[in-house]
Amino acid sequence: MFLVYPPGNIGTEIVGLFFMLLLQYVKINNANTANKTELKAYHIYTILYSIPVAFCYFFYFYSQVYHLTFDIFLCIFGWVFCAAEILFSLISIFTFK
C-alpha cells in the first residue's frame, strides 16, 4: 500500500516541519540556558517559543493529508511535552530568586 500525497501538499508540510524543527531547537537551547543560568527572561522566551510549536502540532494534527495512528500519537506527545515545558518554565520563574 502506497500513500501518495496530492500535488502541492508535500512541499508545504516539509517547509512547516523544518520551521517547527528550527523553533524546537531554539526553544530547547533557551530552556537549557535558562536552567543553567537561572534567568527568568530565558524561561519567558521558552514559553513564547512553545506557543508557536504547539500551533505547529495543532496544524499537523488537524490538517495533514493522511491521519496515521503514529502521526496522531506524535502530535499528542508533542502537545504533552509543550504543556510540560510551559508548566515547568512557569514553576521555575516563580521559584528563582
N, C-alpha and C. Protein backbone atom coordinates (compact mmCIF):
# COMPACT_ATOMS: atom_id res chain seq x y z
N MET A 1 0.85 -1.18 0.00
CA MET A 1 0.00 0.00 0.00
C MET A 1 0.89 1.24 0.00
N PHE A 2 0.62 2.14 -0.90
CA PHE A 2 1.38 3.37 -1.01
C PHE A 2 0.48 4.55 -0.68
N LEU A 3 1.03 5.49 0.10
CA LEU A 3 0.31 6.71 0.41
C LEU A 3 0.90 7.83 -0.45
N VAL A 4 0.16 8.24 -1.43
CA VAL A 4 0.62 9.26 -2.37
C VAL A 4 0.03 10.60 -1.95
N TYR A 5 0.89 11.61 -1.81
CA TYR A 5 0.43 12.93 -1.45
C TYR A 5 -0.20 13.61 -2.66
N PRO A 6 -1.25 14.40 -2.42
CA PRO A 6 -1.80 15.20 -3.52
C PRO A 6 -0.76 16.24 -3.98
N PRO A 7 -0.80 16.62 -5.21
CA PRO A 7 0.20 17.57 -5.72
C PRO A 7 0.14 18.90 -4.96
N GLY A 8 1.29 19.39 -4.58
CA GLY A 8 1.38 20.69 -3.91
C GLY A 8 1.30 20.64 -2.40
N ASN A 9 0.95 19.53 -1.79
CA ASN A 9 0.81 19.48 -0.33
C ASN A 9 2.10 19.08 0.37
N ILE A 10 2.90 18.27 -0.24
CA ILE A 10 4.09 17.77 0.46
C ILE A 10 5.11 18.89 0.69
N GLY A 11 5.21 19.82 -0.22
CA GLY A 11 6.15 20.93 -0.05
C GLY A 11 5.79 21.79 1.14
N THR A 12 4.52 22.10 1.30
CA THR A 12 4.07 22.91 2.43
C THR A 12 4.33 22.19 3.75
N GLU A 13 4.08 20.91 3.79
CA GLU A 13 4.28 20.16 5.03
C GLU A 13 5.76 20.04 5.37
N ILE A 14 6.62 19.87 4.39
CA ILE A 14 8.05 19.77 4.67
C ILE A 14 8.60 21.11 5.14
N VAL A 15 8.18 22.20 4.52
CA VAL A 15 8.63 23.53 4.96
C VAL A 15 8.14 23.78 6.38
N GLY A 16 6.92 23.41 6.68
CA GLY A 16 6.40 23.56 8.04
C GLY A 16 7.16 22.73 9.05
N LEU A 17 7.55 21.53 8.67
CA LEU A 17 8.34 20.69 9.57
C LEU A 17 9.71 21.29 9.85
N PHE A 18 10.36 21.85 8.83
CA PHE A 18 11.65 22.50 9.06
C PHE A 18 11.50 23.75 9.92
N PHE A 19 10.42 24.50 9.73
CA PHE A 19 10.15 25.66 10.59
C PHE A 19 9.95 25.22 12.04
N MET A 20 9.20 24.13 12.24
CA MET A 20 8.98 23.63 13.58
C MET A 20 10.28 23.10 14.18
N LEU A 21 11.12 22.47 13.37
CA LEU A 21 12.41 21.99 13.83
C LEU A 21 13.28 23.15 14.32
N LEU A 22 13.29 24.23 13.57
CA LEU A 22 14.05 25.41 13.96
C LEU A 22 13.52 25.99 15.28
N LEU A 23 12.20 26.10 15.39
CA LEU A 23 11.61 26.61 16.63
C LEU A 23 11.94 25.71 17.82
N GLN A 24 11.86 24.40 17.62
CA GLN A 24 12.17 23.46 18.70
C GLN A 24 13.63 23.59 19.14
N TYR A 25 14.53 23.74 18.19
CA TYR A 25 15.95 23.87 18.50
C TYR A 25 16.20 25.12 19.33
N VAL A 26 15.63 26.24 18.92
CA VAL A 26 15.81 27.49 19.65
C VAL A 26 15.17 27.39 21.03
N LYS A 27 14.00 26.76 21.11
CA LYS A 27 13.30 26.63 22.39
C LYS A 27 14.09 25.77 23.37
N ILE A 28 14.63 24.66 22.90
CA ILE A 28 15.39 23.77 23.78
C ILE A 28 16.69 24.42 24.22
N ASN A 29 17.36 25.14 23.33
CA ASN A 29 18.57 25.86 23.74
C ASN A 29 18.27 26.95 24.76
N ASN A 30 17.14 27.65 24.57
CA ASN A 30 16.72 28.66 25.55
C ASN A 30 16.45 28.03 26.90
N ALA A 31 15.74 26.91 26.92
CA ALA A 31 15.43 26.24 28.18
C ALA A 31 16.70 25.72 28.84
N ASN A 32 17.64 25.22 28.07
CA ASN A 32 18.90 24.74 28.60
C ASN A 32 19.68 25.89 29.25
N THR A 33 19.76 27.00 28.55
CA THR A 33 20.45 28.17 29.09
C THR A 33 19.74 28.71 30.33
N ALA A 34 18.42 28.70 30.31
CA ALA A 34 17.65 29.20 31.44
C ALA A 34 17.87 28.34 32.68
N ASN A 35 17.94 27.05 32.51
CA ASN A 35 18.15 26.18 33.66
C ASN A 35 19.56 26.30 34.22
N LYS A 36 20.54 26.55 33.36
CA LYS A 36 21.92 26.67 33.83
C LYS A 36 22.20 28.02 34.49
N THR A 37 21.60 29.08 33.96
CA THR A 37 21.88 30.43 34.48
C THR A 37 20.83 30.93 35.45
N GLU A 38 19.70 30.26 35.52
CA GLU A 38 18.57 30.65 36.38
C GLU A 38 18.09 32.07 36.09
N LEU A 39 18.01 32.41 34.84
CA LEU A 39 17.49 33.72 34.44
C LEU A 39 16.03 33.58 34.03
N LYS A 40 15.19 34.46 34.55
CA LYS A 40 13.76 34.38 34.26
C LYS A 40 13.43 34.73 32.81
N ALA A 41 14.22 35.62 32.22
CA ALA A 41 13.93 36.06 30.86
C ALA A 41 14.01 34.91 29.88
N TYR A 42 14.96 34.01 30.06
CA TYR A 42 15.08 32.88 29.15
C TYR A 42 13.90 31.92 29.28
N HIS A 43 13.37 31.79 30.49
CA HIS A 43 12.18 30.96 30.67
C HIS A 43 10.97 31.59 29.99
N ILE A 44 10.89 32.90 30.04
CA ILE A 44 9.79 33.59 29.35
C ILE A 44 9.91 33.39 27.84
N TYR A 45 11.14 33.45 27.31
CA TYR A 45 11.34 33.19 25.89
C TYR A 45 10.99 31.74 25.54
N THR A 46 11.29 30.84 26.44
CA THR A 46 10.94 29.43 26.21
C THR A 46 9.43 29.27 26.11
N ILE A 47 8.70 29.95 26.97
CA ILE A 47 7.23 29.90 26.92
C ILE A 47 6.73 30.52 25.62
N LEU A 48 7.34 31.63 25.22
CA LEU A 48 6.91 32.29 23.98
C LEU A 48 7.21 31.44 22.75
N TYR A 49 8.29 30.66 22.77
CA TYR A 49 8.58 29.75 21.67
C TYR A 49 7.71 28.50 21.71
N SER A 50 7.22 28.14 22.88
CA SER A 50 6.38 26.94 23.00
C SER A 50 5.01 27.14 22.35
N ILE A 51 4.53 28.35 22.33
CA ILE A 51 3.20 28.63 21.77
C ILE A 51 3.15 28.36 20.26
N PRO A 52 4.10 28.87 19.45
CA PRO A 52 4.04 28.53 18.03
C PRO A 52 4.31 27.05 17.75
N VAL A 53 5.13 26.41 18.59
CA VAL A 53 5.37 24.98 18.41
C VAL A 53 4.08 24.21 18.66
N ALA A 54 3.31 24.60 19.67
CA ALA A 54 2.03 23.95 19.93
C ALA A 54 1.07 24.15 18.76
N PHE A 55 1.10 25.34 18.14
CA PHE A 55 0.27 25.58 16.96
C PHE A 55 0.73 24.74 15.78
N CYS A 56 2.04 24.52 15.67
CA CYS A 56 2.54 23.64 14.60
C CYS A 56 2.03 22.22 14.80
N TYR A 57 2.03 21.74 16.04
CA TYR A 57 1.47 20.41 16.30
C TYR A 57 -0.03 20.39 16.01
N PHE A 58 -0.71 21.48 16.32
CA PHE A 58 -2.14 21.60 16.01
C PHE A 58 -2.37 21.53 14.51
N PHE A 59 -1.52 22.23 13.74
CA PHE A 59 -1.64 22.20 12.29
C PHE A 59 -1.47 20.79 11.75
N TYR A 60 -0.44 20.10 12.22
CA TYR A 60 -0.18 18.76 11.70
C TYR A 60 -1.17 17.73 12.22
N PHE A 61 -1.84 18.04 13.31
CA PHE A 61 -2.85 17.12 13.81
C PHE A 61 -4.15 17.23 13.02
N TYR A 62 -4.54 18.46 12.70
CA TYR A 62 -5.84 18.67 12.07
C TYR A 62 -5.80 18.83 10.55
N SER A 63 -4.69 19.20 9.98
CA SER A 63 -4.72 19.47 8.55
C SER A 63 -3.66 18.71 7.77
N GLN A 64 -3.21 17.61 8.30
CA GLN A 64 -2.30 16.79 7.49
C GLN A 64 -3.11 15.96 6.51
N VAL A 65 -2.45 15.49 5.49
CA VAL A 65 -3.15 14.79 4.42
C VAL A 65 -3.65 13.43 4.89
N TYR A 66 -2.76 12.65 5.52
CA TYR A 66 -3.14 11.32 6.00
C TYR A 66 -3.03 11.27 7.51
N HIS A 67 -4.10 10.92 8.17
CA HIS A 67 -4.10 10.81 9.62
C HIS A 67 -3.74 9.38 10.01
N LEU A 68 -2.45 9.12 10.09
CA LEU A 68 -2.00 7.81 10.52
C LEU A 68 -1.97 7.78 12.04
N THR A 69 -2.15 6.62 12.61
CA THR A 69 -2.18 6.48 14.07
C THR A 69 -0.87 6.96 14.68
N PHE A 70 0.24 6.65 14.04
CA PHE A 70 1.55 7.07 14.55
C PHE A 70 1.66 8.59 14.56
N ASP A 71 1.17 9.27 13.54
CA ASP A 71 1.22 10.73 13.49
C ASP A 71 0.35 11.34 14.57
N ILE A 72 -0.78 10.74 14.84
CA ILE A 72 -1.65 11.25 15.90
C ILE A 72 -0.97 11.13 17.26
N PHE A 73 -0.31 9.99 17.52
CA PHE A 73 0.40 9.83 18.78
C PHE A 73 1.57 10.81 18.90
N LEU A 74 2.26 11.05 17.79
CA LEU A 74 3.37 12.01 17.83
C LEU A 74 2.88 13.42 18.16
N CYS A 75 1.75 13.81 17.58
CA CYS A 75 1.20 15.14 17.87
C CYS A 75 0.75 15.24 19.33
N ILE A 76 0.13 14.19 19.83
CA ILE A 76 -0.31 14.20 21.23
C ILE A 76 0.88 14.27 22.16
N PHE A 77 1.93 13.49 21.88
CA PHE A 77 3.14 13.56 22.70
C PHE A 77 3.78 14.93 22.61
N GLY A 78 3.77 15.54 21.45
CA GLY A 78 4.30 16.89 21.30
C GLY A 78 3.54 17.90 22.14
N TRP A 79 2.21 17.80 22.13
CA TRP A 79 1.40 18.69 22.98
C TRP A 79 1.69 18.47 24.46
N VAL A 80 1.82 17.23 24.85
CA VAL A 80 2.10 16.93 26.27
C VAL A 80 3.44 17.53 26.68
N PHE A 81 4.47 17.36 25.83
CA PHE A 81 5.77 17.92 26.16
C PHE A 81 5.76 19.45 26.14
N CYS A 82 5.03 20.05 25.22
CA CYS A 82 4.91 21.52 25.21
C CYS A 82 4.23 22.01 26.48
N ALA A 83 3.18 21.33 26.88
CA ALA A 83 2.48 21.72 28.11
C ALA A 83 3.39 21.54 29.32
N ALA A 84 4.15 20.46 29.36
CA ALA A 84 5.07 20.23 30.48
C ALA A 84 6.17 21.28 30.51
N GLU A 85 6.70 21.66 29.35
CA GLU A 85 7.73 22.69 29.30
C GLU A 85 7.18 24.03 29.78
N ILE A 86 5.97 24.35 29.37
CA ILE A 86 5.36 25.61 29.83
C ILE A 86 5.14 25.57 31.34
N LEU A 87 4.63 24.46 31.84
CA LEU A 87 4.38 24.32 33.27
C LEU A 87 5.68 24.42 34.07
N PHE A 88 6.72 23.69 33.66
CA PHE A 88 7.98 23.73 34.38
C PHE A 88 8.67 25.08 34.25
N SER A 89 8.50 25.76 33.13
CA SER A 89 9.06 27.10 33.00
C SER A 89 8.36 28.08 33.92
N LEU A 90 7.04 27.96 34.03
CA LEU A 90 6.31 28.83 34.97
C LEU A 90 6.70 28.56 36.41
N ILE A 91 6.86 27.30 36.76
CA ILE A 91 7.30 26.96 38.11
C ILE A 91 8.70 27.52 38.37
N SER A 92 9.57 27.42 37.39
CA SER A 92 10.94 27.93 37.55
C SER A 92 10.95 29.45 37.67
N ILE A 93 10.08 30.11 36.93
CA ILE A 93 10.04 31.59 37.01
C ILE A 93 9.66 32.03 38.42
N PHE A 94 8.72 31.33 39.02
CA PHE A 94 8.27 31.74 40.36
C PHE A 94 9.19 31.28 41.48
N THR A 95 10.02 30.28 41.23
CA THR A 95 10.92 29.81 42.30
C THR A 95 12.31 30.38 42.24
N PHE A 96 12.75 30.94 41.09
CA PHE A 96 14.08 31.56 41.02
C PHE A 96 14.08 32.84 41.82
N LYS A 97 15.22 33.17 42.38
CA LYS A 97 15.34 34.39 43.18
C LYS A 97 15.60 35.59 42.31
